[in-house]
Amino acid sequence: MPLISSFYGILVYMYKEENAKHKTPHIHAAFGEDELVVDFEGNILAGKMPSKKEKIIQAWLAIHEDELKASWKALTENGEVIKIKGLE
């Protein structure tokens, strides 16, 4: 799983899934044992995350919307992802 960002203990991945159940552009965020799948508009597609961490992910998505779209395009066109800066 290509790691595209990390911040506050949250690891953010973007990858192609064989027989993908999530067709919309999205990220996978992991924190400890929790995982959340979220589209670029902040809609939760699957999983769970502590509320505070979910809010941090939502803020990061809003700040980096253009970079996320560019990374998704690169992933779908040539299998590469673009790293995105985390929150400080």
Protein backbone atom coordinates (compact mmCIF):
# COMPACT_ATOMS: atom_id res chain seq x y z
CA MET A 1 0.00 0.00 0.00
CA PRO A 2 1.58 3.27 -1.06
CA LEU A 3 1.77 5.70 1.85
CA ILE A 4 0.96 9.20 0.62
CA SER A 5 1.01 11.08 3.94
CA SER A 6 1.25 10.78 7.70
CA PHE A 7 0.42 13.15 10.55
CA TYR A 8 -0.58 12.88 14.21
CA GLY A 9 -0.19 9.09 14.11
CA ILE A 10 -2.51 8.77 11.11
CA LEU A 11 -1.20 6.94 8.04
CA VAL A 12 -2.85 7.79 4.72
CA TYR A 13 -2.72 5.37 1.79
CA MET A 14 -3.94 5.46 -1.78
CA TYR A 15 -3.86 2.36 -3.95
CA LYS A 16 -5.60 0.48 -6.72
CA GLU A 17 -7.82 -2.31 -5.50
CA GLU A 18 -8.49 -5.40 -7.56
CA ASN A 19 -12.27 -5.70 -7.99
CA ALA A 20 -12.59 -2.43 -6.08
CA LYS A 21 -15.73 -2.02 -4.05
CA HIS A 22 -15.11 1.73 -3.76
CA LYS A 23 -15.34 3.16 -7.28
CA THR A 24 -15.07 6.82 -6.31
CA PRO A 25 -11.64 8.41 -5.68
CA HIS A 26 -10.77 7.82 -2.02
CA ILE A 27 -8.08 7.33 0.61
CA HIS A 28 -7.53 4.77 3.33
CA ALA A 29 -6.56 6.25 6.69
CA ALA A 30 -5.20 4.10 9.52
CA PHE A 31 -4.72 4.95 13.17
CA GLY A 32 -3.78 2.08 15.45
CA GLU A 33 -6.31 -0.70 14.85
CA ASP A 34 -8.83 1.64 13.21
CA GLU A 35 -9.16 2.20 9.46
CA LEU A 36 -11.37 4.63 7.60
CA VAL A 37 -12.08 4.81 3.88
CA VAL A 38 -13.07 8.33 2.84
CA ASP A 39 -13.78 9.93 -0.53
CA PHE A 40 -12.29 13.31 -1.38
CA GLU A 41 -15.48 15.11 -0.31
CA GLY A 42 -15.16 13.64 3.18
CA ASN A 43 -17.88 10.99 2.87
CA ILE A 44 -17.10 7.88 4.87
CA LEU A 45 -17.24 4.83 2.62
CA ALA A 46 -16.21 2.24 5.21
CA GLY A 47 -14.63 1.77 8.60
CA LYS A 48 -14.37 3.77 11.78
CA MET A 49 -11.96 6.12 13.51
CA PRO A 50 -11.94 8.04 16.80
CA SER A 51 -13.93 11.25 16.35
CA LYS A 52 -10.97 13.60 16.88
CA LYS A 53 -8.86 11.73 14.32
CA GLU A 54 -11.75 11.70 11.85
CA LYS A 55 -12.04 15.49 12.14
CA ILE A 56 -8.29 15.85 11.50
CA ILE A 57 -8.61 13.67 8.38
CA GLN A 58 -11.56 15.77 7.18
CA ALA A 59 -9.50 18.96 7.59
CA TRP A 60 -6.54 17.43 5.74
CA LEU A 61 -8.83 16.35 2.87
CA ALA A 62 -10.22 19.88 2.53
CA ILE A 63 -6.76 21.48 2.52
CA HIS A 64 -5.28 19.05 -0.01
CA GLU A 65 -8.20 18.45 -2.39
CA ASP A 66 -6.27 19.44 -5.53
CA GLU A 67 -3.23 17.31 -4.62
CA LEU A 68 -5.48 14.34 -3.86
CA LYS A 69 -7.12 14.60 -7.27
CA ALA A 70 -3.70 14.82 -8.94
CA SER A 71 -2.46 11.80 -7.00
CA TRP A 72 -5.57 9.77 -7.92
CA LYS A 73 -5.11 10.69 -11.58
CA ALA A 74 -1.44 9.64 -11.48
CA LEU A 75 -2.41 6.38 -9.78
CA THR A 76 -5.08 5.50 -12.32
CA GLU A 77 -2.99 6.54 -15.33
CA ASN A 78 0.43 5.12 -14.46
CA GLY A 79 0.20 3.34 -11.13
CA GLU A 80 2.19 5.98 -9.23
CA VAL A 81 1.02 8.16 -6.35
CA ILE A 82 2.06 11.66 -5.38
CA LYS A 83 3.12 12.19 -1.77
CA ILE A 84 1.14 14.88 0.05
CA LYS A 85 2.32 16.95 3.00
CA GLY A 86 0.76 16.11 6.35
CA LEU A 87 -0.54 18.51 8.95
CA GLU A 88 1.90 20.10 11.39
